[in-house]
C-alpha atoms as a PDB file:
ATOM      1  CA  MET A   1     -76.463 -11.654  27.094  1.00  0.00           C
ATOM      2  CA  ARG A   2     -79.318  -9.879  25.157  1.00  0.00           C
ATOM      3  CA  VAL A   3     -78.908 -12.197  22.231  1.00  0.00           C
ATOM      4  CA  LEU A   4     -79.123 -15.218  24.645  1.00  0.00           C
ATOM      5  CA  VAL A   5     -82.258 -13.850  26.232  1.00  0.00           C
ATOM      6  CA  ASP A   6     -83.958 -13.115  22.698  1.00  0.00           C
ATOM      7  CA  ASN A   7     -83.100 -16.688  21.700  1.00  0.00           C
ATOM      8  CA  LEU A   8     -84.771 -17.984  25.017  1.00  0.00           C
ATOM      9  CA  LYS A   9     -87.838 -15.954  24.138  1.00  0.00           C
ATOM     10  CA  LYS A  10     -87.901 -17.596  20.726  1.00  0.00           C
ATOM     11  CA  ALA A  11     -87.591 -21.066  22.235  1.00  0.00           C
ATOM     12  CA  PHE A  12     -90.475 -20.276  24.726  1.00  0.00           C
ATOM     13  CA  GLU A  13     -92.615 -18.915  21.971  1.00  0.00           C
ATOM     14  CA  ALA A  14     -91.967 -22.129  19.822  1.00  0.00           C
ATOM     15  CA  ARG A  15     -92.976 -24.284  22.917  1.00  0.00           C
ATOM     16  CA  ILE A  16     -96.123 -22.124  23.413  1.00  0.00           C
ATOM     17  CA  THR A  17     -97.191 -22.496  19.891  1.00  0.00           C
ATOM     18  CA  ARG A  18     -96.955 -26.390  20.075  1.00  0.00           C
ATOM     19  CA  LEU A  19     -98.698 -26.718  23.249  1.00  0.00           C
ATOM     20  CA  GLU A  20    -101.878 -28.864  22.507  1.00  0.00           C
ATOM     21  CA  TRP A  21    -103.676 -28.045  25.727  1.00  0.00           C
ATOM     22  CA  MET A  22    -103.656 -24.285  25.480  1.00  0.00           C
ATOM     23  CA  SER A  23    -106.367 -22.592  23.402  1.00  0.00           C
ATOM     24  CA  SER A  24    -105.369 -20.214  20.721  1.00  0.00           C
ATOM     25  CA  SER A  25    -106.556 -17.026  22.526  1.00  0.00           C
ATOM     26  CA  THR A  26    -104.521 -18.287  25.600  1.00  0.00           C
ATOM     27  CA  LYS A  27    -101.402 -18.668  23.408  1.00  0.00           C
ATOM     28  CA  VAL A  28    -101.682 -15.133  22.077  1.00  0.00           C
ATOM     29  CA  LYS A  29    -101.938 -13.715  25.796  1.00  0.00           C
ATOM     30  CA  ALA A  30     -98.994 -16.026  26.944  1.00  0.00           C
ATOM     31  CA  LYS A  31     -96.770 -14.794  23.913  1.00  0.00           C
ATOM     32  CA  GLU A  32     -97.720 -11.211  24.710  1.00  0.00           C
ATOM     33  CA  LYS A  33     -96.622 -11.811  28.481  1.00  0.00           C
ATOM     34  CA  LEU A  34     -93.597 -13.474  27.247  1.00  0.00           C
ATOM     35  CA  TYR A  35     -92.522 -10.578  25.090  1.00  0.00           C
ATOM     36  CA  ALA A  36     -93.609  -8.016  27.801  1.00  0.00           C
ATOM     37  CA  PHE A  37     -91.086  -9.146  30.547  1.00  0.00           C
ATOM     38  CA  THR A  38     -88.429  -6.846  31.675  1.00  0.00           C
ATOM     39  CA  GLU A  39     -84.812  -7.745  31.071  1.00  0.00           C
ATOM     40  CA  LYS A  40     -82.288  -6.480  33.690  1.00  0.00           C
ATOM     41  CA  ILE A  41     -78.835  -7.321  32.719  1.00  0.00           C
ATOM     42  CA  GLY A  42     -75.447  -6.381  34.049  1.00  0.00           C
ATOM     43  CA  TYR A  43     -76.349  -3.326  36.338  1.00  0.00           C
ATOM     44  CA  PRO A  44     -79.141  -1.033  37.075  1.00  0.00           C
ATOM     45  CA  ASP A  45     -79.612   2.198  35.013  1.00  0.00           C
ATOM     46  CA  LYS A  46     -80.473   4.017  38.285  1.00  0.00           C
ATOM     47  CA  TRP A  47     -78.023   3.512  41.238  1.00  0.00           C
ATOM     48  CA  ARG A  48     -78.893   3.509  45.013  1.00  0.00           C
ATOM     49  CA  ASP A  49     -77.663   6.363  47.049  1.00  0.00           C
ATOM     50  CA  TYR A  50     -75.429   5.343  49.952  1.00  0.00           C
ATOM     51  CA  SER A  51     -74.110   8.974  50.610  1.00  0.00           C
ATOM     52  CA  ASN A  52     -75.754   9.015  54.011  1.00  0.00           C
ATOM     53  CA  VAL A  53     -73.931   5.892  55.171  1.00  0.00           C
ATOM     54  CA  GLU A  54     -71.012   6.776  57.398  1.00  0.00           C
ATOM     55  CA  VAL A  55     -68.042   4.235  57.372  1.00  0.00           C
ATOM     56  CA  SER A  56     -65.158   4.450  59.616  1.00  0.00           C
ATOM     57  CA  LYS A  57     -62.244   1.930  59.582  1.00  0.00           C
ATOM     58  CA  ASP A  58     -62.306   0.796  63.250  1.00  0.00           C
ATOM     59  CA  LYS A  59     -66.005   1.288  63.944  1.00  0.00           C
ATOM     60  CA  TYR A  60     -67.782  -1.940  63.002  1.00  0.00           C
ATOM     61  CA  PHE A  61     -70.938  -1.682  65.082  1.00  0.00           C
ATOM     62  CA  GLU A  62     -71.337   2.101  64.114  1.00  0.00           C
ATOM     63  CA  ASN A  63     -70.821   1.188  60.336  1.00  0.00           C
ATOM     64  CA  ARG A  64     -73.396  -1.459  60.643  1.00  0.00           C
ATOM     65  CA  LEU A  65     -75.870   1.021  62.449  1.00  0.00           C
ATOM     66  CA  SER A  66     -75.293   3.581  59.884  1.00  0.00           C
ATOM     67  CA  ALA A  67     -76.060   1.115  56.976  1.00  0.00           C
ATOM     68  CA  THR A  68     -79.220  -0.023  58.860  1.00  0.00           C
ATOM     69  CA  LYS A  69     -80.543   3.455  59.324  1.00  0.00           C
ATOM     70  CA  ASN A  70     -79.843   4.287  55.720  1.00  0.00           C
ATOM     71  CA  GLU A  71     -81.630   0.834  54.566  1.00  0.00           C
ATOM     72  CA  TYR A  72     -84.582   1.641  56.947  1.00  0.00           C
ATOM     73  CA  ALA A  73     -84.866   5.253  55.452  1.00  0.00           C
ATOM     74  CA  TYR A  74     -84.887   3.858  51.977  1.00  0.00           C
ATOM     75  CA  ARG A  75     -87.713   1.399  52.626  1.00  0.00           C
ATOM     76  CA  ILE A  76     -89.945   3.919  54.606  1.00  0.00           C
ATOM     77  CA  ALA A  77     -89.609   6.354  51.636  1.00  0.00           C
ATOM     78  CA  LYS A  78     -91.221   3.543  49.575  1.00  0.00           C
ATOM     79  CA  VAL A  79     -94.284   3.487  51.491  1.00  0.00           C
ATOM     80  CA  ASP A  80     -97.409   4.820  49.708  1.00  0.00           C
ATOM     81  CA  GLN A  81     -95.134   5.134  46.356  1.00  0.00           C
ATOM     82  CA  PRO A  82     -95.897   3.187  43.175  1.00  0.00           C
ATOM     83  CA  VAL A  83     -93.768   0.121  42.647  1.00  0.00           C
ATOM     84  CA  ASP A  84     -90.377   1.172  41.175  1.00  0.00           C
ATOM     85  CA  ARG A  85     -90.156  -1.380  38.324  1.00  0.00           C
ATOM     86  CA  THR A  86     -86.474  -0.242  37.720  1.00  0.00           C
ATOM     87  CA  GLU A  87     -85.330  -1.334  41.024  1.00  0.00           C
ATOM     88  CA  TRP A  88     -83.017  -4.277  41.306  1.00  0.00           C
ATOM     89  CA  HIS A  89     -83.273  -6.674  44.284  1.00  0.00           C
ATOM     90  CA  THR A  90     -79.672  -7.544  44.269  1.00  0.00           C
ATOM     91  CA  THR A  91     -76.388  -5.829  43.716  1.00  0.00           C
ATOM     92  CA  PRO A  92     -74.482  -5.814  40.358  1.00  0.00           C
ATOM     93  CA  PRO A  93     -71.490  -7.882  41.626  1.00  0.00           C
ATOM     94  CA  THR A  94     -73.720 -10.641  43.253  1.00  0.00           C
ATOM     95  CA  VAL A  95     -73.281 -14.016  41.749  1.00  0.00           C
ATOM     96  CA  THR A  96     -77.113 -14.782  41.281  1.00  0.00           C
ATOM     97  CA  ALA A  97     -79.893 -14.612  38.800  1.00  0.00           C
ATOM     98  CA  TYR A  98     -83.455 -14.457  39.284  1.00  0.00           C
ATOM     99  CA  ASN A  99     -86.951 -14.481  37.756  1.00  0.00           C
ATOM    100  CA  ASN A 100     -89.521 -12.356  39.652  1.00  0.00           C
ATOM    101  CA  PRO A 101     -92.969 -13.483  38.363  1.00  0.00           C
ATOM    102  CA  PRO A 102     -95.013 -10.727  40.098  1.00  0.00           C
ATOM    103  CA  LEU A 103     -93.084  -7.985  38.250  1.00  0.00           C
ATOM    104  CA  ASN A 104     -92.628 -10.193  35.135  1.00  0.00           C
ATOM    105  CA  GLU A 105     -88.876  -9.651  35.102  1.00  0.00           C
ATOM    106  CA  ILE A 106     -85.598 -11.622  34.766  1.00  0.00           C
ATOM    107  CA  VAL A 107     -82.390 -10.325  36.299  1.00  0.00           C
ATOM    108  CA  PHE A 108     -78.735 -11.387  35.272  1.00  0.00           C
ATOM    109  CA  PRO A 109     -76.381  -9.307  37.461  1.00  0.00           C
ATOM    110  CA  ALA A 110     -72.902  -8.622  36.193  1.00  0.00           C
ATOM    111  CA  GLY A 111     -71.561 -11.034  38.884  1.00  0.00           C
ATOM    112  CA  ILE A 112     -73.102 -14.011  37.346  1.00  0.00           C
ATOM    113  CA  LEU A 113     -71.943 -12.962  33.873  1.00  0.00           C
ATOM    114  CA  GLN A 114     -68.346 -13.779  34.708  1.00  0.00           C
ATOM    115  CA  SER A 115     -66.203 -16.887  34.405  1.00  0.00           C
ATOM    116  CA  PRO A 116     -66.529 -19.602  35.720  1.00  0.00           C
ATOM    117  CA  TYR A 117     -70.379 -19.044  35.698  1.00  0.00           C
ATOM    118  CA  PHE A 118     -70.763 -17.602  32.136  1.00  0.00           C
ATOM    119  CA  ASP A 119     -68.799 -18.051  29.057  1.00  0.00           C
ATOM    120  CA  LEU A 120     -69.864 -16.053  26.064  1.00  0.00           C
ATOM    121  CA  ASN A 121     -68.160 -18.486  23.811  1.00  0.00           C
ATOM    122  CA  ALA A 122     -69.628 -21.517  25.307  1.00  0.00           C
ATOM    123  CA  ASP A 123     -71.937 -23.832  23.386  1.00  0.00           C
ATOM    124  CA  ASP A 124     -75.498 -22.412  23.533  1.00  0.00           C
ATOM    125  CA  ALA A 125     -76.660 -25.627  25.310  1.00  0.00           C
END
């Protein structure tokens, strides 16, 4: 996957280089931004802590309430803190991928890197 992303960067760099409407100084900045984006592939290096969530087999409402309380505490703890650029906004098994322009990142969770969505041996196109 990292090779694929590196190839994508090279393709974008070639496109930027060929742009006629972009000035040379702007092309330099565009390439700097291109190579500065964060790649999040597979799973996060830092995992969320769910140890405060209480789960019981026959207590759906209580389980949801416990999960909601945990999420609320997690979000409140982030107030007045610097942005955590390592945080993922999806879970690893989720079948999705996203680009987050404000944080200049792309994310490919493990879920999307499985068949039938992704095939390492498929044609690059």
